Amino acid sequence: MSAMQPLPSTVLVTGGTGFVADWCIVQLLQRGYAVRTTVRSLSKAPAVRAAVASVIDPGERLSFFAVDLTSDAGWDAAVAGCDYVLHVASPLGGDSPKNADDLIVPARDGTLRVLRAATRVGVKRVVMTSSLAAATPPRSAKGIVTDEAVWTDLDGGEKINAYRQSKTIAERAAWDFMRRDAGSTTLTTILPGAVFGPVLTTDNLGSVQVIGRLLSGKLPGNPRLGFSIVDVRDLADLHIRAMTAPEAAGQRFIAVRDFMWMADISKELRARLGERAGKAPTRALPDFVLRVAALFDAALKNITPLLGRKLTFSSAKAQRLLGWAPRPGAATVVDCAQSLIAGSAV
């Protein structure tokens, strides 16, 4: 690099082995940034580098730091010299722990570790990946369009699963911290729905497993469940827009495009992919079948309250303030399925 060229801004992306983080890394590299990412062990670094390299050669602009959300060690070194932080990482453990604190405590404390390190060195902005789980209206609120003013009410008497609790508590803790100790650093939070889209690796598929189960025929029918969908590529784009836009400071942004029932997803896959989606179910799965299965599967127990429930979220704020233009949900689920098939993940 010549003496006349400014050094690229440096961005730390937490949780480098994750689906969303990989796409954030890719798009940051495509836009000329130097990128650091965190992994729990440096043994994971070659796999992350290979996933990113399937889209863009990271060269020397991608580096790795071994840190853990449950420990203070290493975070100061990871953020030192960074201009921005995208806090994408989530704690491990699934969404159905026997003790809710097993998910809540690392989510909250991990977020605070990142914020403390970032504010100590004065990064310009932290963009935190939260979730629609932190902005879910109560069941009594029917027919409304939810925006960023809504917070999941943990004290309203409804039974809230550990995942929704963890996302709500972690985001609230982040905003509380920033009101007290932010210094010159600003915070923005992004609240995605169900994240689908093309995978760069078949590890850590997360919500993408829904599409895989439909393609593999593991579901005997389509339950009355639906998702507010966002494409992982659009989600990464929104993180980067929120990272640099002055008007994004101190804001929450919902990140979704379309709501699709599982029956509609299956229909779209069969229509667009033909024989490759031949195992996608065509019939409805009665509610009682899922409820019975939930007696033996804690993960299913968490989603049975959503049977037949359509929640409507608005991403108008992100589109208006940041020029965000998410692609249709139908295109997202098809692209996701094609990448799973190509990667022999189904």
Protein backbone atom coordinates (compact mmCIF):
# COMPACT_ATOMS: atom_id res chain seq x y z
CA MET A 1 0.00 0.00 0.00
CA SER A 2 1.49 3.37 -0.99
CA ALA A 3 2.12 6.14 1.52
CA MET A 4 -0.65 8.20 -0.13
CA GLN A 5 -3.34 5.55 0.41
CA PRO A 6 -5.17 5.57 3.77
CA LEU A 7 -5.23 2.34 5.69
CA PRO A 8 -8.59 0.57 5.52
CA SER A 9 -10.88 0.78 8.52
CA THR A 10 -10.73 -2.30 10.74
CA VAL A 11 -13.86 -4.12 11.87
CA LEU A 12 -14.12 -6.85 14.50
CA VAL A 13 -16.86 -9.42 13.79
CA THR A 14 -17.62 -11.65 16.76
CA GLY A 15 -18.58 -15.30 16.31
CA GLY A 16 -16.68 -15.98 13.10
CA THR A 17 -17.91 -19.57 12.76
CA GLY A 18 -21.53 -18.46 12.47
CA PHE A 19 -23.80 -18.20 9.43
CA VAL A 20 -24.44 -14.46 9.76
CA ALA A 21 -20.87 -13.62 10.78
CA ASP A 22 -19.43 -15.34 7.69
CA TRP A 23 -21.55 -13.19 5.38
CA CYS A 24 -20.67 -10.05 7.34
CA ILE A 25 -16.99 -10.90 6.89
CA VAL A 26 -17.48 -11.50 3.16
CA GLN A 27 -19.27 -8.22 2.57
CA LEU A 28 -16.84 -6.21 4.67
CA LEU A 29 -13.95 -7.62 2.64
CA GLN A 30 -15.82 -6.86 -0.58
CA ARG A 31 -16.13 -3.23 0.56
CA GLY A 32 -12.45 -2.88 1.34
CA TYR A 33 -12.34 -3.25 5.12
CA ALA A 34 -9.74 -5.09 7.15
CA VAL A 35 -11.55 -7.69 9.24
CA ARG A 36 -10.84 -9.43 12.50
CA THR A 37 -13.07 -12.18 13.76
CA THR A 38 -13.35 -14.13 16.97
CA VAL A 39 -13.40 -17.90 17.35
CA ARG A 40 -13.42 -19.99 20.49
CA SER A 41 -10.34 -21.85 19.25
CA LEU A 42 -7.86 -20.96 16.52
CA SER A 43 -8.33 -24.50 15.22
CA LYS A 44 -11.58 -23.15 13.73
CA ALA A 45 -9.80 -20.46 11.70
CA PRO A 46 -8.98 -22.54 8.58
CA ALA A 47 -12.63 -23.55 8.15
CA VAL A 48 -13.81 -19.94 8.45
CA ARG A 49 -11.15 -18.76 6.00
CA ALA A 50 -12.19 -21.47 3.53
CA ALA A 51 -15.88 -20.53 3.80
CA VAL A 52 -15.10 -16.87 3.17
CA ALA A 53 -12.73 -17.75 0.31
CA SER A 54 -15.61 -19.45 -1.52
CA VAL A 55 -16.82 -15.90 -2.26
CA ILE A 56 -13.76 -13.64 -1.93
CA ASP A 57 -10.06 -14.25 -1.28
CA PRO A 58 -9.47 -12.70 2.15
CA GLY A 59 -5.71 -12.54 1.70
CA GLU A 60 -4.08 -10.84 4.66
CA ARG A 61 -7.10 -8.67 5.43
CA LEU A 62 -8.71 -11.35 7.64
CA SER A 63 -7.24 -12.22 11.03
CA PHE A 64 -8.43 -14.31 13.97
CA PHE A 65 -8.56 -13.93 17.75
CA ALA A 66 -9.34 -16.78 20.15
CA VAL A 67 -11.76 -15.43 22.76
CA ASP A 68 -14.89 -16.65 24.53
CA LEU A 69 -18.05 -14.79 25.52
CA THR A 70 -17.81 -16.36 28.97
CA SER A 71 -14.34 -15.00 29.76
CA ASP A 72 -12.72 -11.55 29.87
CA ALA A 73 -9.45 -12.90 28.49
CA GLY A 74 -8.40 -11.61 25.08
CA TRP A 75 -11.16 -9.12 24.37
CA ASP A 76 -9.01 -6.01 24.83
CA ALA A 77 -6.49 -7.34 22.33
CA ALA A 78 -9.24 -8.27 19.87
CA VAL A 79 -10.74 -4.76 19.77
CA ALA A 80 -7.48 -2.77 20.04
CA GLY A 81 -7.10 -0.66 16.91
CA CYS A 82 -10.60 -1.42 15.59
CA ASP A 83 -12.84 1.29 14.20
CA TYR A 84 -16.06 -0.73 14.48
CA VAL A 85 -17.42 -3.90 16.08
CA LEU A 86 -20.19 -6.12 14.73
CA HIS A 87 -21.28 -8.19 17.72
CA VAL A 88 -22.93 -11.12 15.95
CA ALA A 89 -21.92 -13.98 18.25
CA SER A 90 -24.47 -15.84 20.35
CA PRO A 91 -23.71 -18.20 23.22
CA LEU A 92 -23.84 -21.94 22.61
CA GLY A 93 -26.32 -24.26 24.26
CA GLY A 94 -29.47 -24.29 22.18
CA ASP A 95 -32.76 -22.60 23.04
CA SER A 96 -34.07 -25.21 25.48
CA PRO A 97 -31.72 -25.43 28.47
CA LYS A 98 -33.03 -26.98 31.66
CA ASN A 99 -32.07 -23.77 33.45
CA ALA A 100 -32.87 -20.55 31.56
CA ASP A 101 -29.84 -18.86 33.11
CA ASP A 102 -27.61 -21.24 31.15
CA LEU A 103 -28.57 -19.19 28.09
CA ILE A 104 -29.42 -15.82 29.64
CA VAL A 105 -26.22 -15.28 31.64
CA PRO A 106 -23.69 -15.85 28.81
CA ALA A 107 -25.83 -13.83 26.37
CA ARG A 108 -26.02 -10.85 28.73
CA ASP A 109 -22.52 -11.07 30.16
CA GLY A 110 -20.94 -11.79 26.78
CA THR A 111 -22.57 -8.68 25.32
CA LEU A 112 -21.32 -6.58 28.22
CA ARG A 113 -17.78 -7.96 27.79
CA VAL A 114 -17.77 -6.87 24.15
CA LEU A 115 -19.18 -3.43 24.99
CA ARG A 116 -16.71 -2.84 27.81
CA ALA A 117 -13.77 -3.71 25.58
CA ALA A 118 -15.11 -1.63 22.70
CA THR A 119 -15.81 1.47 24.78
CA ARG A 120 -12.43 1.23 26.55
CA VAL A 121 -10.62 1.70 23.26
CA GLY A 122 -13.19 4.12 21.85
CA VAL A 123 -14.41 2.27 18.76
CA LYS A 124 -16.76 4.43 16.74
CA ARG A 125 -19.75 2.11 16.85
CA VAL A 126 -20.88 -1.32 17.96
CA VAL A 127 -23.61 -2.97 15.92
CA MET A 128 -25.24 -5.75 17.93
CA THR A 129 -27.30 -8.57 16.48
CA SER A 130 -30.39 -8.90 18.62
CA SER A 131 -33.58 -10.67 17.45
CA LEU A 132 -37.28 -10.26 16.81
CA ALA A 133 -37.49 -12.36 19.97
CA ALA A 134 -36.73 -9.11 21.82
CA ALA A 135 -39.62 -7.30 20.11
CA THR A 136 -42.47 -9.81 20.25
CA PRO A 137 -45.89 -8.41 21.17
CA PRO A 138 -48.09 -10.27 23.67
CA ARG A 139 -50.63 -12.78 22.39
CA SER A 140 -53.40 -10.35 23.26
CA ALA A 141 -52.09 -7.90 20.64
CA LYS A 142 -53.75 -9.23 17.52
CA GLY A 143 -53.59 -7.74 14.03
CA ILE A 144 -50.91 -5.16 14.78
CA VAL A 145 -47.76 -4.36 12.83
CA THR A 146 -44.81 -4.42 15.21
CA ASP A 147 -42.02 -1.87 14.93
CA GLU A 148 -38.88 -1.06 16.90
CA ALA A 149 -40.80 0.62 19.74
CA VAL A 150 -42.03 -2.79 20.93
CA TRP A 151 -40.12 -4.79 23.54
CA THR A 152 -40.91 -8.33 24.63
CA ASP A 153 -42.60 -8.05 28.02
CA LEU A 154 -40.89 -10.46 30.38
CA ASP A 155 -43.14 -9.45 33.28
CA GLY A 156 -46.52 -9.62 31.59
CA GLY A 157 -47.53 -13.06 32.78
CA GLU A 158 -46.90 -14.95 29.53
CA LYS A 159 -44.51 -17.88 29.57
CA ILE A 160 -41.41 -16.72 27.70
CA ASN A 161 -38.86 -19.33 26.61
CA ALA A 162 -35.19 -19.05 27.49
CA TYR A 163 -34.14 -17.88 24.02
CA ARG A 164 -36.57 -14.96 23.98
CA GLN A 165 -35.60 -14.08 27.53
CA SER A 166 -31.90 -14.14 26.68
CA LYS A 167 -32.24 -11.92 23.61
CA THR A 168 -34.43 -9.40 25.43
CA ILE A 169 -32.28 -9.27 28.55
CA ALA A 170 -29.02 -9.03 26.56
CA GLU A 171 -30.26 -6.18 24.40
CA ARG A 172 -31.71 -4.27 27.34
CA ALA A 173 -28.41 -4.73 29.20
CA ALA A 174 -26.56 -3.32 26.19
CA TRP A 175 -28.69 -0.18 26.06
CA ASP A 176 -28.46 0.28 29.84
CA PHE A 177 -24.67 -0.02 29.67
CA MET A 178 -24.42 2.50 26.83
CA ARG A 179 -26.52 5.04 28.71
CA ARG A 180 -24.04 4.86 31.59
CA ASP A 181 -20.63 4.13 30.12
CA ALA A 182 -20.56 4.64 26.35
CA GLY A 183 -18.04 7.45 26.13
CA SER A 184 -17.60 8.32 22.45
CA THR A 185 -18.84 4.92 21.23
CA THR A 186 -22.36 4.56 19.81
CA LEU A 187 -24.59 1.48 19.64
CA THR A 188 -27.04 0.20 17.06
CA THR A 189 -29.04 -3.03 17.35
CA ILE A 190 -30.37 -5.17 14.50
CA LEU A 191 -33.38 -7.42 15.08
CA PRO A 192 -33.59 -10.15 12.43
CA GLY A 193 -36.30 -12.74 11.98
CA ALA A 194 -35.63 -16.22 10.61
CA VAL A 195 -32.33 -16.01 8.74
CA PHE A 196 -32.20 -18.03 5.52
CA GLY A 197 -30.19 -17.71 2.31
CA PRO A 198 -27.14 -19.37 0.77
CA VAL A 199 -24.78 -21.14 3.15
CA LEU A 200 -21.00 -20.87 2.88
CA THR A 201 -20.46 -23.97 4.99
CA THR A 202 -22.67 -26.76 6.26
CA ASP A 203 -21.46 -26.23 9.83
CA ASN A 204 -23.57 -24.28 12.34
CA LEU A 205 -26.64 -24.03 10.11
CA GLY A 206 -28.99 -22.67 12.77
CA SER A 207 -32.36 -21.64 11.35
CA VAL A 208 -31.35 -22.96 7.92
CA GLN A 209 -32.02 -26.46 9.21
CA VAL A 210 -35.72 -25.74 8.69
CA ILE A 211 -35.15 -25.72 4.93
CA GLY A 212 -32.96 -28.80 5.17
CA ARG A 213 -35.68 -30.74 6.98
CA LEU A 214 -38.23 -29.84 4.32
CA LEU A 215 -35.91 -30.94 1.51
CA SER A 216 -34.94 -34.18 3.21
CA GLY A 217 -38.51 -35.29 3.85
CA LYS A 218 -37.91 -35.54 7.59
CA LEU A 219 -41.19 -33.73 8.22
CA PRO A 220 -44.30 -35.81 7.42
CA GLY A 221 -46.27 -32.63 6.81
CA ASN A 222 -46.18 -28.85 7.11
CA PRO A 223 -47.03 -27.63 10.62
CA ARG A 224 -48.99 -24.40 10.97
CA LEU A 225 -45.83 -22.45 11.65
CA GLY A 226 -44.57 -19.40 9.83
CA PHE A 227 -41.50 -17.20 9.78
CA SER A 228 -40.67 -13.55 9.25
CA ILE A 229 -37.80 -14.07 6.82
CA VAL A 230 -34.62 -12.16 6.13
CA ASP A 231 -31.91 -13.12 3.67
CA VAL A 232 -28.51 -13.52 5.32
CA ARG A 233 -26.93 -11.39 2.57
CA ASP A 234 -29.37 -8.57 3.24
CA LEU A 235 -28.85 -8.92 6.97
CA ALA A 236 -25.09 -8.53 6.54
CA ASP A 237 -25.69 -5.49 4.33
CA LEU A 238 -27.88 -3.90 7.00
CA HIS A 239 -25.22 -4.44 9.66
CA ILE A 240 -22.69 -2.59 7.53
CA ARG A 241 -25.09 0.22 6.65
CA ALA A 242 -25.92 0.63 10.33
CA MET A 243 -22.21 0.59 11.17
CA THR A 244 -21.38 3.77 9.29
CA ALA A 245 -24.61 5.77 8.87
CA PRO A 246 -24.67 8.73 11.32
CA GLU A 247 -28.44 8.45 11.65
CA ALA A 248 -28.20 4.84 12.85
CA ALA A 249 -26.54 5.77 16.14
CA GLY A 250 -28.69 4.85 19.12
CA GLN A 251 -31.31 3.09 17.00
CA ARG A 252 -32.93 -0.35 16.78
CA PHE A 253 -33.68 -1.73 13.31
CA ILE A 254 -36.00 -4.62 12.52
CA ALA A 255 -34.60 -6.79 9.71
CA VAL A 256 -37.27 -8.78 7.87
CA ARG A 257 -38.95 -8.91 4.48
CA ASP A 258 -41.81 -11.41 4.10
CA PHE A 259 -43.78 -13.73 6.36
CA MET A 260 -44.12 -17.25 4.95
CA TRP A 261 -45.96 -20.25 6.33
CA MET A 262 -44.06 -23.52 6.12
CA ALA A 263 -46.66 -24.79 3.65
CA ASP A 264 -45.85 -21.82 1.40
CA ILE A 265 -42.12 -22.49 1.69
CA SER A 266 -42.61 -26.14 0.69
CA LYS A 267 -44.79 -25.11 -2.23
CA GLU A 268 -42.21 -22.59 -3.44
CA LEU A 269 -39.40 -25.13 -3.20
CA ARG A 270 -41.32 -27.73 -5.17
CA ALA A 271 -42.35 -25.20 -7.82
CA ARG A 272 -38.85 -23.78 -8.32
CA LEU A 273 -36.65 -26.81 -7.76
CA GLY A 274 -38.78 -29.64 -9.14
CA GLU A 275 -37.44 -33.11 -8.37
CA ARG A 276 -34.71 -31.69 -6.15
CA ALA A 277 -37.45 -30.65 -3.72
CA GLY A 278 -39.61 -33.70 -4.33
CA LYS A 279 -39.54 -34.71 -0.65
CA ALA A 280 -40.90 -31.38 0.58
CA PRO A 281 -44.24 -32.18 2.24
CA THR A 282 -47.51 -31.40 0.48
CA ARG A 283 -49.97 -32.06 3.26
CA ALA A 284 -50.68 -30.23 6.51
CA LEU A 285 -49.42 -31.58 9.80
CA PRO A 286 -52.23 -31.48 12.39
CA ASP A 287 -51.48 -29.36 15.44
CA PHE A 288 -51.98 -32.26 17.82
CA VAL A 289 -49.13 -34.20 16.16
CA LEU A 290 -46.67 -31.41 16.92
CA ARG A 291 -48.03 -31.04 20.45
CA VAL A 292 -47.58 -34.75 21.13
CA ALA A 293 -44.05 -34.66 19.70
CA ALA A 294 -43.32 -31.66 21.93
CA LEU A 295 -43.86 -33.85 24.98
CA PHE A 296 -40.61 -35.60 24.08
CA ASP A 297 -38.70 -32.71 22.43
CA ALA A 298 -38.04 -29.51 24.39
CA ALA A 299 -37.20 -27.54 21.25
CA LEU A 300 -40.63 -28.32 19.80
CA LYS A 301 -42.26 -27.37 23.08
CA ASN A 302 -40.89 -23.86 22.64
CA ILE A 303 -42.53 -23.38 19.25
CA THR A 304 -45.95 -24.91 19.88
CA PRO A 305 -47.28 -21.56 21.22
CA LEU A 306 -46.62 -20.15 17.72
CA LEU A 307 -48.90 -22.65 15.98
CA GLY A 308 -51.23 -20.73 13.71
CA ARG A 309 -49.89 -17.38 14.88
CA LYS A 310 -48.86 -14.82 12.28
CA LEU A 311 -46.76 -11.97 13.61
CA THR A 312 -46.25 -8.96 11.36
CA PHE A 313 -43.10 -6.87 11.72
CA SER A 314 -42.17 -3.73 9.82
CA SER A 315 -38.68 -2.98 8.52
CA ALA A 316 -39.80 0.38 7.12
CA LYS A 317 -37.41 2.23 9.42
CA ALA A 318 -34.33 0.49 8.01
CA GLN A 319 -35.56 1.00 4.48
CA ARG A 320 -36.32 4.68 5.04
CA LEU A 321 -33.28 5.73 7.08
CA LEU A 322 -30.61 3.44 5.66
CA GLY A 323 -31.82 2.72 2.12
CA TRP A 324 -32.04 -0.99 2.92
CA ALA A 325 -33.72 -3.06 0.19
CA PRO A 326 -34.24 -6.71 1.25
CA ARG A 327 -35.05 -9.32 -1.38
CA PRO A 328 -38.32 -11.32 -1.39
CA GLY A 329 -38.65 -14.23 1.01
CA ALA A 330 -39.46 -16.66 -1.80
CA ALA A 331 -36.14 -15.95 -3.52
CA THR A 332 -34.33 -16.32 -0.21
CA VAL A 333 -35.68 -19.78 0.63
CA VAL A 334 -34.97 -21.06 -2.89
CA ASP A 335 -31.39 -19.76 -2.83
CA CYS A 336 -30.97 -21.34 0.59
CA ALA A 337 -32.25 -24.70 -0.64
CA GLN A 338 -30.04 -24.63 -3.72
CA SER A 339 -26.94 -24.03 -1.62
CA LEU A 340 -27.86 -26.87 0.75
CA ILE A 341 -28.33 -29.22 -2.18
CA ALA A 342 -25.06 -28.12 -3.77
CA GLY A 343 -23.27 -28.68 -0.47
CA SER A 344 -24.86 -32.11 -0.02
CA ALA A 345 -26.36 -30.95 3.27
CA VAL A 346 -29.69 -32.73 2.60
